[in-house]
Each structure stands twice: as C-alpha cells, then as structure tokens.
C-alpha atoms as a PDB file:
ATOM      1  CA  UNK A   1      -1.428   1.652  20.348  1.00  0.00           C
ATOM      2  CA  UNK A   2      -1.486   4.642  17.999  1.00  0.00           C
ATOM      3  CA  UNK A   3      -5.022   5.822  17.152  1.00  0.00           C
ATOM      4  CA  UNK A   4      -4.575   5.252  13.392  1.00  0.00           C
ATOM      5  CA  UNK A   5      -3.594   1.586  13.965  1.00  0.00           C
ATOM      6  CA  UNK A   6      -6.552   1.178  16.290  1.00  0.00           C
ATOM      7  CA  UNK A   7      -8.928   2.826  13.790  1.00  0.00           C
ATOM      8  CA  UNK A   8      -7.693   0.641  10.936  1.00  0.00           C
ATOM      9  CA  UNK A   9      -8.157  -2.473  13.101  1.00  0.00           C
ATOM     10  CA  UNK A  10     -11.764  -1.413  13.810  1.00  0.00           C
ATOM     11  CA  UNK A  11     -12.428  -0.903  10.076  1.00  0.00           C
ATOM     12  CA  UNK A  12     -11.009  -4.349   9.298  1.00  0.00           C
ATOM     13  CA  UNK A  13     -13.137  -5.881  12.046  1.00  0.00           C
ATOM     14  CA  UNK A  14     -16.260  -4.173  10.680  1.00  0.00           C
ATOM     15  CA  UNK A  15     -15.515  -5.422   7.151  1.00  0.00           C
ATOM     16  CA  UNK A  16     -14.799  -8.996   8.302  1.00  0.00           C
ATOM     17  CA  UNK A  17     -18.067  -9.107  10.248  1.00  0.00           C
ATOM     18  CA  UNK A  18     -20.015  -8.312   7.067  1.00  0.00           C
ATOM     19  CA  UNK A  19     -18.088 -10.085   4.281  1.00  0.00           C
ATOM     20  CA  UNK A  20     -16.705 -13.599   3.999  1.00  0.00           C
ATOM     21  CA  UNK A  21     -14.302 -13.126   1.102  1.00  0.00           C
ATOM     22  CA  UNK A  22     -12.196  -9.978   1.244  1.00  0.00           C
ATOM     23  CA  UNK A  23      -8.888 -11.397   0.017  1.00  0.00           C
ATOM     24  CA  UNK A  24      -8.772  -9.016  -2.933  1.00  0.00           C
ATOM     25  CA  UNK A  25      -9.718  -5.897  -0.935  1.00  0.00           C
ATOM     26  CA  UNK A  26      -7.139  -3.130  -0.458  1.00  0.00           C
ATOM     27  CA  UNK A  27      -7.572  -0.320   2.042  1.00  0.00           C
ATOM     28  CA  UNK A  28      -5.866   2.891   0.941  1.00  0.00           C
ATOM     29  CA  UNK A  29      -5.096   5.066   3.968  1.00  0.00           C
ATOM     30  CA  UNK A  30      -5.600   8.563   2.530  1.00  0.00           C
ATOM     31  CA  UNK A  31      -2.970  10.563   4.358  1.00  0.00           C
ATOM     32  CA  UNK A  32      -3.356  13.960   2.654  1.00  0.00           C
ATOM     33  CA  UNK A  33      -2.607  16.917   4.997  1.00  0.00           C
ATOM     34  CA  UNK A  34      -1.302  14.575   7.710  1.00  0.00           C
ATOM     35  CA  UNK A  35       2.431  14.671   8.578  1.00  0.00           C
ATOM     36  CA  UNK A  36       4.681  11.617   8.394  1.00  0.00           C
ATOM     37  CA  UNK A  37       4.696  11.473  12.217  1.00  0.00           C
ATOM     38  CA  UNK A  38       1.011  10.467  11.989  1.00  0.00           C
ATOM     39  CA  UNK A  39       1.611   8.059   9.099  1.00  0.00           C
ATOM     40  CA  UNK A  40       4.776   6.259  10.322  1.00  0.00           C
ATOM     41  CA  UNK A  41       3.013   4.156  12.996  1.00  0.00           C
ATOM     42  CA  UNK A  42       0.772   2.670  10.275  1.00  0.00           C
ATOM     43  CA  UNK A  43       3.772   1.901   8.051  1.00  0.00           C
ATOM     44  CA  UNK A  44       5.560   0.262  11.010  1.00  0.00           C
ATOM     45  CA  UNK A  45       2.453  -1.837  11.704  1.00  0.00           C
ATOM     46  CA  UNK A  46       2.748  -3.264   8.168  1.00  0.00           C
ATOM     47  CA  UNK A  47       0.187  -1.208   6.252  1.00  0.00           C
ATOM     48  CA  UNK A  48       1.421  -0.552   2.705  1.00  0.00           C
ATOM     49  CA  UNK A  49      -1.239   1.323   0.681  1.00  0.00           C
ATOM     50  CA  UNK A  50      -1.395   5.110   1.105  1.00  0.00           C
ATOM     51  CA  UNK A  51      -3.162   7.838  -0.841  1.00  0.00           C
ATOM     52  CA  UNK A  52      -2.383  11.493  -1.505  1.00  0.00           C
ATOM     53  CA  UNK A  53      -4.250  14.044  -3.576  1.00  0.00           C
ATOM     54  CA  UNK A  54      -1.596  16.717  -4.144  1.00  0.00           C
ATOM     55  CA  UNK A  55       1.582  15.851  -6.028  1.00  0.00           C
ATOM     56  CA  UNK A  56       3.818  18.449  -4.371  1.00  0.00           C
ATOM     57  CA  UNK A  57       2.788  17.389  -0.867  1.00  0.00           C
ATOM     58  CA  UNK A  58       3.331  13.733  -1.769  1.00  0.00           C
ATOM     59  CA  UNK A  59       6.835  14.402  -3.116  1.00  0.00           C
ATOM     60  CA  UNK A  60       7.831  16.254   0.065  1.00  0.00           C
ATOM     61  CA  UNK A  61       6.390  13.581   2.351  1.00  0.00           C
ATOM     62  CA  UNK A  62       7.032  10.276   0.590  1.00  0.00           C
ATOM     63  CA  UNK A  63      10.234  10.527  -1.472  1.00  0.00           C
ATOM     64  CA  UNK A  64      12.477   9.077   1.270  1.00  0.00           C
ATOM     65  CA  UNK A  65      10.052   6.375   2.463  1.00  0.00           C
ATOM     66  CA  UNK A  66       9.471   5.167  -1.092  1.00  0.00           C
ATOM     67  CA  UNK A  67      13.198   4.492  -1.469  1.00  0.00           C
ATOM     68  CA  UNK A  68      13.663   2.829   1.924  1.00  0.00           C
ATOM     69  CA  UNK A  69      10.447   0.740   2.044  1.00  0.00           C
ATOM     70  CA  UNK A  70      10.310  -1.448  -1.021  1.00  0.00           C
ATOM     71  CA  UNK A  71       6.695  -2.698  -0.902  1.00  0.00           C
ATOM     72  CA  UNK A  72       5.087   0.659  -0.156  1.00  0.00           C
ATOM     73  CA  UNK A  73       2.325   1.516  -2.652  1.00  0.00           C
ATOM     74  CA  UNK A  74       1.423   5.158  -3.211  1.00  0.00           C
ATOM     75  CA  UNK A  75      -1.892   6.110  -4.800  1.00  0.00           C
ATOM     76  CA  UNK A  76      -2.701   9.426  -6.484  1.00  0.00           C
ATOM     77  CA  UNK A  77      -6.367   9.810  -5.527  1.00  0.00           C
ATOM     78  CA  UNK A  78      -6.867  13.492  -6.369  1.00  0.00           C
ATOM     79  CA  UNK A  79      -7.116  15.302  -9.687  1.00  0.00           C
ATOM     80  CA  UNK A  80      -3.806  15.064 -11.554  1.00  0.00           C
ATOM     81  CA  UNK A  81      -2.834  18.158 -13.553  1.00  0.00           C
ATOM     82  CA  UNK A  82      -0.881  17.465 -16.746  1.00  0.00           C
ATOM     83  CA  UNK A  83       1.908  19.834 -15.646  1.00  0.00           C
ATOM     84  CA  UNK A  84       2.487  17.649 -12.542  1.00  0.00           C
ATOM     85  CA  UNK A  85       2.707  14.309 -14.383  1.00  0.00           C
ATOM     86  CA  UNK A  86       6.473  14.492 -14.788  1.00  0.00           C
ATOM     87  CA  UNK A  87       7.003  14.492 -11.005  1.00  0.00           C
ATOM     88  CA  UNK A  88       4.038  12.224 -10.227  1.00  0.00           C
ATOM     89  CA  UNK A  89       5.026   9.273 -12.429  1.00  0.00           C
ATOM     90  CA  UNK A  90       8.315   8.397 -10.653  1.00  0.00           C
ATOM     91  CA  UNK A  91       6.701   8.558  -7.204  1.00  0.00           C
ATOM     92  CA  UNK A  92       3.244   6.976  -7.520  1.00  0.00           C
ATOM     93  CA  UNK A  93       2.321   3.338  -8.197  1.00  0.00           C
ATOM     94  CA  UNK A  94      -1.378   3.913  -8.888  1.00  0.00           C
ATOM     95  CA  UNK A  95      -3.353   6.792 -10.404  1.00  0.00           C
ATOM     96  CA  UNK A  96      -7.080   6.845  -9.652  1.00  0.00           C
ATOM     97  CA  UNK A  97      -8.078   9.916 -11.643  1.00  0.00           C
ATOM     98  CA  UNK A  98      -7.372   9.527 -15.360  1.00  0.00           C
ATOM     99  CA  UNK A  99     -10.034  11.665 -17.037  1.00  0.00           C
ATOM    100  CA  UNK A 100      -8.717  13.014 -20.365  1.00  0.00           C
ATOM    101  CA  UNK A 101      -6.728  12.005 -23.441  1.00  0.00           C
ATOM    102  CA  UNK A 102      -4.342  14.893 -22.794  1.00  0.00           C
ATOM    103  CA  UNK A 103      -3.524  13.335 -19.410  1.00  0.00           C
ATOM    104  CA  UNK A 104      -3.302   9.808 -20.867  1.00  0.00           C
ATOM    105  CA  UNK A 105      -0.804  11.023 -23.466  1.00  0.00           C
ATOM    106  CA  UNK A 106       1.369  12.736 -20.863  1.00  0.00           C
ATOM    107  CA  UNK A 107       1.387   9.759 -18.478  1.00  0.00           C
ATOM    108  CA  UNK A 108       2.298   7.442 -21.354  1.00  0.00           C
ATOM    109  CA  UNK A 109       5.184   9.684 -22.405  1.00  0.00           C
ATOM    110  CA  UNK A 110       6.621  10.111 -18.913  1.00  0.00           C
ATOM    111  CA  UNK A 111       6.403   6.469 -17.862  1.00  0.00           C
ATOM    112  CA  UNK A 112       8.100   5.288 -21.071  1.00  0.00           C
ATOM    113  CA  UNK A 113      11.037   7.582 -20.262  1.00  0.00           C
ATOM    114  CA  UNK A 114      11.672   5.797 -16.973  1.00  0.00           C
ATOM    115  CA  UNK A 115      10.380   2.349 -18.013  1.00  0.00           C
ATOM    116  CA  UNK A 116       7.574   2.313 -15.468  1.00  0.00           C
ATOM    117  CA  UNK A 117       4.083   0.852 -15.826  1.00  0.00           C
ATOM    118  CA  UNK A 118       1.642   2.585 -13.485  1.00  0.00           C
ATOM    119  CA  UNK A 119      -1.627   0.939 -12.519  1.00  0.00           C
ATOM    120  CA  UNK A 120      -4.373   3.303 -13.598  1.00  0.00           C
ATOM    121  CA  UNK A 121      -8.074   3.813 -12.909  1.00  0.00           C
ATOM    122  CA  UNK A 122     -10.291   5.822 -15.241  1.00  0.00           C
ATOM    123  CA  UNK A 123     -12.426   8.277 -13.287  1.00  0.00           C
ATOM    124  CA  UNK A 124     -16.077   8.131 -14.339  1.00  0.00           C
ATOM    125  CA  UNK A 125     -18.472  11.008 -13.648  1.00  0.00           C
ATOM    126  CA  UNK A 126     -21.104   8.519 -12.546  1.00  0.00           C
ATOM    127  CA  UNK A 127     -23.672  11.117 -11.442  1.00  0.00           C
ATOM    128  CA  UNK A 128     -23.099  13.294 -14.521  1.00  0.00           C
ATOM    129  CA  UNK A 129     -22.344  16.286 -12.271  1.00  0.00           C
ATOM    130  CA  UNK A 130     -21.032  19.444 -13.926  1.00  0.00           C
ATOM    131  CA  UNK A 131     -18.714  20.303 -11.002  1.00  0.00           C
ATOM    132  CA  UNK A 132     -16.964  16.919 -10.989  1.00  0.00           C
ATOM    133  CA  UNK A 133     -14.131  15.516 -13.077  1.00  0.00           C
ATOM    134  CA  UNK A 134     -14.461  12.226 -14.884  1.00  0.00           C
ATOM    135  CA  UNK A 135     -15.567  10.667 -18.128  1.00  0.00           C
ATOM    136  CA  UNK A 136     -19.183  10.662 -19.230  1.00  0.00           C
ATOM    137  CA  UNK A 137     -20.498   7.117 -19.427  1.00  0.00           C
ATOM    138  CA  UNK A 138     -21.184   7.495 -23.170  1.00  0.00           C
ATOM    139  CA  UNK A 139     -17.508   8.292 -23.880  1.00  0.00           C
ATOM    140  CA  UNK A 140     -16.068   5.604 -21.643  1.00  0.00           C
ATOM    141  CA  UNK A 141     -15.651   2.688 -24.043  1.00  0.00           C
ATOM    142  CA  UNK A 142     -13.931   4.653 -26.819  1.00  0.00           C
ATOM    143  CA  UNK A 143     -11.747   6.449 -24.245  1.00  0.00           C
ATOM    144  CA  UNK A 144     -10.702   3.140 -22.680  1.00  0.00           C
ATOM    145  CA  UNK A 145      -9.862   1.659 -26.102  1.00  0.00           C
ATOM    146  CA  UNK A 146      -7.773   4.682 -27.037  1.00  0.00           C
ATOM    147  CA  UNK A 147      -5.867   4.526 -23.728  1.00  0.00           C
ATOM    148  CA  UNK A 148      -4.861   0.913 -24.193  1.00  0.00           C
ATOM    149  CA  UNK A 149      -4.315   0.882 -27.965  1.00  0.00           C
ATOM    150  CA  UNK A 150      -2.801   4.309 -28.631  1.00  0.00           C
ATOM    151  CA  UNK A 151      -1.048   4.991 -25.330  1.00  0.00           C
ATOM    152  CA  UNK A 152      -0.385   1.472 -24.036  1.00  0.00           C
ATOM    153  CA  UNK A 153      -1.667   2.324 -20.550  1.00  0.00           C
ATOM    154  CA  UNK A 154      -2.233  -0.316 -17.901  1.00  0.00           C
ATOM    155  CA  UNK A 155      -5.884   0.417 -17.099  1.00  0.00           C
ATOM    156  CA  UNK A 156      -6.866  -1.852 -14.207  1.00  0.00           C
ATOM    157  CA  UNK A 157     -10.323  -0.488 -13.384  1.00  0.00           C
ATOM    158  CA  UNK A 158     -12.750   2.392 -12.954  1.00  0.00           C
ATOM    159  CA  UNK A 159     -13.116   4.932 -10.144  1.00  0.00           C
ATOM    160  CA  UNK A 160     -16.006   7.154  -9.097  1.00  0.00           C
ATOM    161  CA  UNK A 161     -17.161   9.686  -6.522  1.00  0.00           C
ATOM    162  CA  UNK A 162     -20.938   9.278  -6.245  1.00  0.00           C
ATOM    163  CA  UNK A 163     -23.145  12.364  -5.770  1.00  0.00           C
ATOM    164  CA  UNK A 164     -23.356  13.563  -2.171  1.00  0.00           C
ATOM    165  CA  UNK A 165     -26.690  13.569  -0.354  1.00  0.00           C
ATOM    166  CA  UNK A 166     -27.933  10.699  -2.531  1.00  0.00           C
ATOM    167  CA  UNK A 167     -28.234   6.949  -2.044  1.00  0.00           C
ATOM    168  CA  UNK A 168     -24.813   5.655  -3.203  1.00  0.00           C
ATOM    169  CA  UNK A 169     -25.763   2.050  -3.952  1.00  0.00           C
ATOM    170  CA  UNK A 170     -27.220   2.571  -7.480  1.00  0.00           C
ATOM    171  CA  UNK A 171     -24.111   4.531  -8.536  1.00  0.00           C
ATOM    172  CA  UNK A 172     -21.694   1.914  -7.191  1.00  0.00           C
ATOM    173  CA  UNK A 173     -23.725  -0.828  -8.843  1.00  0.00           C
ATOM    174  CA  UNK A 174     -23.674   1.007 -12.178  1.00  0.00           C
ATOM    175  CA  UNK A 175     -19.896   1.480 -12.022  1.00  0.00           C
ATOM    176  CA  UNK A 176     -19.452  -2.228 -11.264  1.00  0.00           C
ATOM    177  CA  UNK A 177     -21.518  -3.122 -14.345  1.00  0.00           C
ATOM    178  CA  UNK A 178     -19.488  -0.722 -16.533  1.00  0.00           C
ATOM    179  CA  UNK A 179     -16.257  -2.178 -15.131  1.00  0.00           C
ATOM    180  CA  UNK A 180     -17.375  -5.697 -15.983  1.00  0.00           C
ATOM    181  CA  UNK A 181     -18.431  -4.652 -19.496  1.00  0.00           C
ATOM    182  CA  UNK A 182     -14.818  -3.573 -20.152  1.00  0.00           C
ATOM    183  CA  UNK A 183     -13.461  -6.800 -18.651  1.00  0.00           C
ATOM    184  CA  UNK A 184     -11.652  -4.938 -15.851  1.00  0.00           C
ATOM    185  CA  UNK A 185     -10.837  -6.578 -12.520  1.00  0.00           C
ATOM    186  CA  UNK A 186     -10.310  -3.714 -10.043  1.00  0.00           C
ATOM    187  CA  UNK A 187     -12.744  -1.075  -8.770  1.00  0.00           C
ATOM    188  CA  UNK A 188     -11.850   2.066  -6.829  1.00  0.00           C
ATOM    189  CA  UNK A 189     -14.907   3.200  -4.914  1.00  0.00           C
ATOM    190  CA  UNK A 190     -15.929   3.827  -1.346  1.00  0.00           C
ATOM    191  CA  UNK A 191     -14.666   6.288   1.251  1.00  0.00           C
ATOM    192  CA  UNK A 192     -15.039   6.749   5.024  1.00  0.00           C
ATOM    193  CA  UNK A 193     -18.814   7.212   4.875  1.00  0.00           C
ATOM    194  CA  UNK A 194     -19.789   4.569   2.304  1.00  0.00           C
ATOM    195  CA  UNK A 195     -17.118   1.863   2.067  1.00  0.00           C
ATOM    196  CA  UNK A 196     -19.444  -0.945   3.209  1.00  0.00           C
ATOM    197  CA  UNK A 197     -21.854  -0.237   0.312  1.00  0.00           C
ATOM    198  CA  UNK A 198     -18.866  -0.029  -2.057  1.00  0.00           C
ATOM    199  CA  UNK A 199     -17.468  -3.427  -0.989  1.00  0.00           C
ATOM    200  CA  UNK A 200     -20.967  -4.839  -1.336  1.00  0.00           C
ATOM    201  CA  UNK A 201     -20.907  -3.737  -4.989  1.00  0.00           C
ATOM    202  CA  UNK A 202     -17.496  -5.294  -5.646  1.00  0.00           C
ATOM    203  CA  UNK A 203     -15.002  -2.544  -4.817  1.00  0.00           C
ATOM    204  CA  UNK A 204     -11.416  -3.806  -4.512  1.00  0.00           C
ATOM    205  CA  UNK A 205      -9.823  -0.496  -3.447  1.00  0.00           C
ATOM    206  CA  UNK A 206     -11.466   1.664  -0.778  1.00  0.00           C
ATOM    207  CA  UNK A 207     -10.052   5.121  -0.021  1.00  0.00           C
ATOM    208  CA  UNK A 208     -10.285   5.851   3.717  1.00  0.00           C
ATOM    209  CA  UNK A 209      -9.004   9.081   5.251  1.00  0.00           C
ATOM    210  CA  UNK A 210     -10.824  10.573   8.250  1.00  0.00           C
ATOM    211  CA  UNK A 211     -11.953   7.204   9.619  1.00  0.00           C
ATOM    212  CA  UNK A 212      -8.287   6.228   9.969  1.00  0.00           C
ATOM    213  CA  UNK A 213      -6.486   9.498  10.735  1.00  0.00           C
ATOM    214  CA  UNK A 214      -9.299  11.575  12.247  1.00  0.00           C
ATOM    215  CA  UNK A 215     -10.724  14.850  10.990  1.00  0.00           C
ATOM    216  CA  UNK A 216      -8.487  17.204   9.034  1.00  0.00           C
ATOM    217  CA  UNK A 217      -7.799  20.708  10.275  1.00  0.00           C
END
C-alpha cells in the first residue's frame, strides 16, 4: 500500500477513535510541491478533496485530472492574488482565502463569465497578526454582507490559521462562534499538527499536508 494511503487511513482511524459523528468532515489532502505520481495513488483509492496553494502549480498538475475525474474537488488553500483569479476560477471548486473586497469583486466577475459558483471561505486573521492575511474580526460582518449582497458570492464558512507557538483551542473556538453568528455551516480550520483540536471545535474541512504526504523538500 502506498504510504499516502496508509497515512490517510491512520488519520481516519485516529479521528474515528475520538469522535462519534464525523459524517460532515472533509479531509483536504494538501498536495502542494508533490508531483502527481505521489497524488495518483490517493485518487485511485477514492480520495476526492485536494488542496494547492499556488495557482500556476495547480494548473500544471490538475488540469487533465479535473477533466477526467468528475467528482474531484480542488481547494485553493493559499493566498490568491487578484491577477491569478482568471486562471484559478475555472480550475478550483473551493477558495479558502478570500480576504479583500478587491478579490471578492474579481472572483465574482470571473465566475459569472463561465457560469460557475465557487464555494468560498473568508479568511479571518484570528490572532490579529500583522504578518498574516485575513479579515480583522471587527470588519468581518460588514465584509460578509458586502460579499453576498454586492457580489453574490457563495460564502460557506470562515477559515483561519491560528498563531504558532500558542494554544490553538481558544482561536478555533472563537472562529466557530463567529461562524455561527453569521449563520454559516462550514469551517476550514486544522492542519497536520492541530486537526484534532479543530474538529473538537466544529471544523468541517481540515487541511492536511505533511501527515499524509510526508515532509516537503
């Protein structure tokens, strides 16, 4: 059995041993920097959710598979530059990093052209860190309202990257409360090191890279 299939099975086993109801949980295998030869065994085993964080790399790797495998879901989990939206919109199914009106406007424009309705997460700067992207909590409600009313975006939930070297639980909990206050159903939080805490706080999409594929070069 390929190591990625084995690793994913171990993650699923770990999750099932801790949680009774995980029917609405999606594991995104974050395949950035890994070649398709490493990813194909997972696709063949039936896994459908994959994440990339660079548009150009995703286009080169996934364009053929997206045509041939109908149920494949591709997630943009990295920062999306406005000048890459035009090529990102046809390829991706989910965007996890909406963080500005400029970006909202561009996504709206491009998806209308091809009659597509991407599922989108708003990225929240939950630790209020100057080096990180994301909306400040104070701006979130008005930003969300503008996205759905002015730009007709399909916002399904919030996403965050909690501060490193800190206890993640309070940040995940806070994002879950914010998500609920907007009446949103999905939550994108939790990575290789903290996905158990994230699921505990209600995450429905966890973004796992190294724990599935191994360490990146």
